[in-house]
C-alpha atoms as a PDB file:
ATOM      1  CA  MET A   1      92.332 230.320  83.350  1.00  0.00           C
ATOM      2  CA  TYR A   2      94.002 232.159  86.382  1.00  0.00           C
ATOM      3  CA  PRO A   3      91.836 234.367  88.485  1.00  0.00           C
ATOM      4  CA  ASP A   4      91.851 238.050  88.625  1.00  0.00           C
ATOM      5  CA  HIS A   5      94.260 238.315  91.816  1.00  0.00           C
ATOM      6  CA  THR A   6      96.799 235.967  90.236  1.00  0.00           C
ATOM      7  CA  PRO A   7      99.717 237.537  88.764  1.00  0.00           C
ATOM      8  CA  GLN A   8     100.439 236.228  85.514  1.00  0.00           C
ATOM      9  CA  ARG A   9     103.924 234.900  84.399  1.00  0.00           C
ATOM     10  CA  ALA A  10     105.608 234.743  80.930  1.00  0.00           C
ATOM     11  CA  VAL A  11     105.828 230.867  79.455  1.00  0.00           C
ATOM     12  CA  GLU A  12     108.901 229.677  77.737  1.00  0.00           C
ATOM     13  CA  VAL A  13     108.555 227.823  75.062  1.00  0.00           C
ATOM     14  CA  HIS A  14     111.370 225.412  74.472  1.00  0.00           C
ATOM     15  CA  GLN A  15     111.444 223.648  70.832  1.00  0.00           C
ATOM     16  CA  PRO A  16     113.295 220.703  70.536  1.00  0.00           C
ATOM     17  CA  THR A  17     116.159 220.408  68.751  1.00  0.00           C
ATOM     18  CA  PRO A  18     116.173 217.532  65.995  1.00  0.00           C
ATOM     19  CA  ILE A  19     118.833 214.806  65.886  1.00  0.00           C
ATOM     20  CA  PRO A  20     120.562 214.463  62.912  1.00  0.00           C
ATOM     21  CA  PRO A  21     120.159 210.885  62.081  1.00  0.00           C
ATOM     22  CA  PRO A  22     123.523 209.040  61.733  1.00  0.00           C
ATOM     23  CA  VAL A  23     125.475 208.874  58.179  1.00  0.00           C
ATOM     24  CA  VAL A  24     126.271 205.099  56.854  1.00  0.00           C
ATOM     25  CA  HIS A  25     129.473 204.855  54.964  1.00  0.00           C
ATOM     26  CA  PRO A  26     129.229 201.572  52.773  1.00  0.00           C
ATOM     27  CA  ALA A  27     132.000 199.273  53.557  1.00  0.00           C
ATOM     28  CA  SER A  28     134.690 199.008  51.257  1.00  0.00           C
ATOM     29  CA  VAL A  29     134.175 196.296  48.547  1.00  0.00           C
ATOM     30  CA  VAL A  30     137.739 195.025  47.386  1.00  0.00           C
ATOM     31  CA  PRO A  31     137.219 192.987  44.546  1.00  0.00           C
ATOM     32  CA  VAL A  32     139.107 189.793  44.118  1.00  0.00           C
ATOM     33  CA  GLN A  33     139.833 187.548  40.715  1.00  0.00           C
ATOM     34  CA  PRO A  34     139.526 184.169  41.311  1.00  0.00           C
ATOM     35  CA  ASN A  35     142.114 182.428  40.874  1.00  0.00           C
ATOM     36  CA  THR A  36     140.932 180.414  37.640  1.00  0.00           C
ATOM     37  CA  VAL A  37     138.302 181.367  35.459  1.00  0.00           C
ATOM     38  CA  PRO A  38     134.851 180.245  35.793  1.00  0.00           C
ATOM     39  CA  ALA A  39     133.738 177.870  32.536  1.00  0.00           C
ATOM     40  CA  VAL A  40     130.447 179.685  31.564  1.00  0.00           C
ATOM     41  CA  ALA A  41     127.106 177.705  31.959  1.00  0.00           C
ATOM     42  CA  SER A  42     124.053 177.948  30.017  1.00  0.00           C
ATOM     43  CA  VAL A  43     120.594 176.760  30.930  1.00  0.00           C
ATOM     44  CA  VAL A  44     117.408 176.002  29.461  1.00  0.00           C
ATOM     45  CA  LEU A  45     114.134 176.327  30.636  1.00  0.00           C
ATOM     46  CA  PRO A  46     111.126 174.504  29.542  1.00  0.00           C
ATOM     47  CA  ASP A  47     109.196 177.506  29.161  1.00  0.00           C
ATOM     48  CA  GLY A  48     111.915 177.551  26.202  1.00  0.00           C
ATOM     49  CA  ARG A  49     114.478 181.043  27.683  1.00  0.00           C
ATOM     50  CA  VAL A  50     117.921 180.352  27.915  1.00  0.00           C
ATOM     51  CA  VAL A  51     119.975 181.281  31.012  1.00  0.00           C
ATOM     52  CA  THR A  52     123.731 181.665  31.366  1.00  0.00           C
ATOM     53  CA  GLY A  53     125.973 182.184  33.685  1.00  0.00           C
ATOM     54  CA  TYR A  54     128.605 181.270  35.828  1.00  0.00           C
ATOM     55  CA  ALA A  55     128.703 177.744  37.459  1.00  0.00           C
ATOM     56  CA  ILE A  56     129.568 178.527  41.675  1.00  0.00           C
ATOM     57  CA  ASP A  57     130.753 176.025  43.441  1.00  0.00           C
ATOM     58  CA  ALA A  58     128.632 175.639  47.047  1.00  0.00           C
ATOM     59  CA  VAL A  59     130.633 177.372  49.399  1.00  0.00           C
ATOM     60  CA  ARG A  60     132.224 174.718  51.495  1.00  0.00           C
ATOM     61  CA  PRO A  61     132.178 175.400  55.820  1.00  0.00           C
ATOM     62  CA  GLU A  62     135.340 174.727  57.267  1.00  0.00           C
ATOM     63  CA  PRO A  63     136.020 170.912  58.577  1.00  0.00           C
ATOM     64  CA  VAL A  64     135.769 170.477  62.107  1.00  0.00           C
ATOM     65  CA  ALA A  65     138.666 169.755  63.766  1.00  0.00           C
ATOM     66  CA  ALA A  66     137.974 165.752  64.436  1.00  0.00           C
ATOM     67  CA  LYS A  67     137.989 165.222  68.507  1.00  0.00           C
ATOM     68  CA  PRO A  68     140.907 163.704  70.298  1.00  0.00           C
ATOM     69  CA  ALA A  69     140.125 160.180  70.814  1.00  0.00           C
ATOM     70  CA  VAL A  70     139.955 159.547  74.283  1.00  0.00           C
ATOM     71  CA  SER A  71     141.760 156.086  75.198  1.00  0.00           C
ATOM     72  CA  ARG A  72     140.017 153.736  77.370  1.00  0.00           C
ATOM     73  CA  ALA A  73     142.919 153.413  80.035  1.00  0.00           C
ATOM     74  CA  ALA A  74     142.352 157.080  81.111  1.00  0.00           C
ATOM     75  CA  VAL A  75     138.409 156.553  81.057  1.00  0.00           C
ATOM     76  CA  ASN A  76     139.209 153.752  83.197  1.00  0.00           C
ATOM     77  CA  VAL A  77     141.697 155.851  85.879  1.00  0.00           C
ATOM     78  CA  ALA A  78     138.975 158.190  86.255  1.00  0.00           C
ATOM     79  CA  LEU A  79     136.339 155.705  86.985  1.00  0.00           C
ATOM     80  CA  GLY A  80     138.970 153.580  89.127  1.00  0.00           C
ATOM     81  CA  GLY A  81     139.308 157.072  90.786  1.00  0.00           C
ATOM     82  CA  VAL A  82     135.753 158.524  90.729  1.00  0.00           C
ATOM     83  CA  GLY A  83     135.217 155.278  93.306  1.00  0.00           C
ATOM     84  CA  PHE A  84     137.924 154.946  94.720  1.00  0.00           C
ATOM     85  CA  LEU A  85     136.727 158.799  96.280  1.00  0.00           C
ATOM     86  CA  ALA A  86     133.673 157.442  97.109  1.00  0.00           C
ATOM     87  CA  VAL A  87     134.308 154.174  98.879  1.00  0.00           C
ATOM     88  CA  CYS A  88     136.708 155.822 101.938  1.00  0.00           C
ATOM     89  CA  GLY A  89     133.984 158.472 101.602  1.00  0.00           C
ATOM     90  CA  GLY A  90     131.570 155.668 102.687  1.00  0.00           C
ATOM     91  CA  LEU A  91     134.349 153.757 104.897  1.00  0.00           C
ATOM     92  CA  LEU A  92     134.829 157.682 106.366  1.00  0.00           C
ATOM     93  CA  LEU A  93     130.970 157.424 107.244  1.00  0.00           C
ATOM     94  CA  LEU A  94     130.864 153.962 108.285  1.00  0.00           C
ATOM     95  CA  THR A  95     133.534 154.380 110.638  1.00  0.00           C
ATOM     96  CA  SER A  96     131.642 157.293 111.938  1.00  0.00           C
ATOM     97  CA  PHE A  97     129.018 155.829 112.707  1.00  0.00           C
ATOM     98  CA  ILE A  98     129.969 152.768 114.258  1.00  0.00           C
ATOM     99  CA  ALA A  99     132.492 155.067 116.860  1.00  0.00           C
ATOM    100  CA  ALA A 100     129.063 157.371 118.003  1.00  0.00           C
ATOM    101  CA  LEU A 101     127.343 153.744 118.321  1.00  0.00           C
ATOM    102  CA  THR A 102     130.137 152.881 120.496  1.00  0.00           C
ATOM    103  CA  ALA A 103     129.723 155.706 122.794  1.00  0.00           C
ATOM    104  CA  PHE A 104     126.170 156.000 122.901  1.00  0.00           C
ATOM    105  CA  ILE A 105     126.221 151.814 123.974  1.00  0.00           C
ATOM    106  CA  GLY A 106     128.760 153.087 126.563  1.00  0.00           C
ATOM    107  CA  GLN A 107     126.844 155.868 128.100  1.00  0.00           C
ATOM    108  CA  LEU A 108     123.820 153.424 127.687  1.00  0.00           C
ATOM    109  CA  ILE A 109     126.175 151.242 130.098  1.00  0.00           C
ATOM    110  CA  ILE A 110     127.328 153.437 132.288  1.00  0.00           C
ATOM    111  CA  LEU A 111     123.962 154.458 132.960  1.00  0.00           C
ATOM    112  CA  ALA A 112     122.175 151.043 133.611  1.00  0.00           C
ATOM    113  CA  ALA A 113     125.388 150.988 136.065  1.00  0.00           C
ATOM    114  CA  VAL A 114     124.196 153.856 137.771  1.00  0.00           C
ATOM    115  CA  ILE A 115     120.902 153.197 138.009  1.00  0.00           C
ATOM    116  CA  PHE A 116     121.190 149.622 139.226  1.00  0.00           C
ATOM    117  CA  GLY A 117     123.672 150.867 141.866  1.00  0.00           C
ATOM    118  CA  GLY A 118     121.303 153.234 143.056  1.00  0.00           C
ATOM    119  CA  TRP A 119     118.887 150.740 143.593  1.00  0.00           C
ATOM    120  CA  ILE A 120     121.113 148.264 145.689  1.00  0.00           C
ATOM    121  CA  ALA A 121     121.693 151.508 147.576  1.00  0.00           C
ATOM    122  CA  VAL A 122     118.843 152.049 148.756  1.00  0.00           C
ATOM    123  CA  GLN A 123     118.102 148.443 149.108  1.00  0.00           C
ATOM    124  CA  VAL A 124     120.810 148.697 151.859  1.00  0.00           C
ATOM    125  CA  LEU A 125     121.009 151.363 153.242  1.00  0.00           C
ATOM    126  CA  GLY A 126     116.800 151.402 153.398  1.00  0.00           C
ATOM    127  CA  THR A 127     117.081 148.129 155.799  1.00  0.00           C
ATOM    128  CA  ARG A 128     119.532 149.565 158.390  1.00  0.00           C
ATOM    129  CA  GLY A 129     117.601 152.365 158.887  1.00  0.00           C
ATOM    130  CA  HIS A 130     114.545 150.425 160.320  1.00  0.00           C
ATOM    131  CA  GLN A 131     116.188 147.372 162.421  1.00  0.00           C
ATOM    132  CA  GLY A 132     116.781 149.915 165.152  1.00  0.00           C
ATOM    133  CA  GLY A 133     113.382 151.362 165.698  1.00  0.00           C
ATOM    134  CA  GLY A 134     111.101 148.285 164.731  1.00  0.00           C
ATOM    135  CA  THR A 135     108.913 146.269 166.544  1.00  0.00           C
ATOM    136  CA  THR A 136     109.858 142.634 167.661  1.00  0.00           C
ATOM    137  CA  VAL A 137     107.036 140.164 168.274  1.00  0.00           C
ATOM    138  CA  ASN A 138     107.478 137.324 169.428  1.00  0.00           C
ATOM    139  CA  ILE A 139     104.524 134.973 167.979  1.00  0.00           C
ATOM    140  CA  ARG A 140     105.295 132.541 170.247  1.00  0.00           C
ATOM    141  CA  LYS A 141     103.731 134.195 173.603  1.00  0.00           C
ATOM    142  CA  ALA A 142     101.473 136.033 171.414  1.00  0.00           C
ATOM    143  CA  VAL A 143      97.961 135.703 172.329  1.00  0.00           C
ATOM    144  CA  ILE A 144      95.583 136.292 169.735  1.00  0.00           C
ATOM    145  CA  LYS A 145      92.144 137.385 170.276  1.00  0.00           C
ATOM    146  CA  ARG A 146      89.821 138.678 167.399  1.00  0.00           C
ATOM    147  CA  ASN A 147      92.692 138.705 164.901  1.00  0.00           C
ATOM    148  CA  HIS A 148      94.363 141.404 167.062  1.00  0.00           C
ATOM    149  CA  PHE A 149      97.803 140.485 168.514  1.00  0.00           C
ATOM    150  CA  HIS A 150      98.408 141.333 172.268  1.00  0.00           C
ATOM    151  CA  GLY A 151     101.619 140.556 174.010  1.00  0.00           C
END
C-alpha cells in the first residue's frame, strides 16, 4: 500500500464506548378506594359463557364552563364605535381631497392668469416697437403699376 520510501505510522484504533440505556422507574401507583363498592354484574354471552365483573360508569368529561353571554348593548356600542371611526376616517380623507383639489384649481387659475397676462404684454409691447420704424403709405397718392405701389 505505501511505497518503500514512505515511513510507516502507527495506527491507533479507538473502540466506541457503549452508552448504557436509561433507567426507567415505573410511576408509583397509589390505590384509591372507591366511595361505594360497585355492584357485581354478570353477562351471558351468545355462546353460553358467563362473564362476571364490576360495572364501571363511563368517565364523564368535566363540564365546560359556559361562556358569559354578550349583551346586545355591548355589541351595538362596539359596532357603533367601529362605524364612527370609519366615518371619521372617510371625512378626513374627503377634506384632504377637497383641500388638494382647491389648491390645484388655484394653481390652474394662477397659471392661466400668467399666460394670459404674458399674451396681453406681448400684444401691447409688440405694437409699440413697430410704430416708429414702419413706413406709412398714403394710398390716395400712390400710383399702381403692375401690382406695385410707387410713390
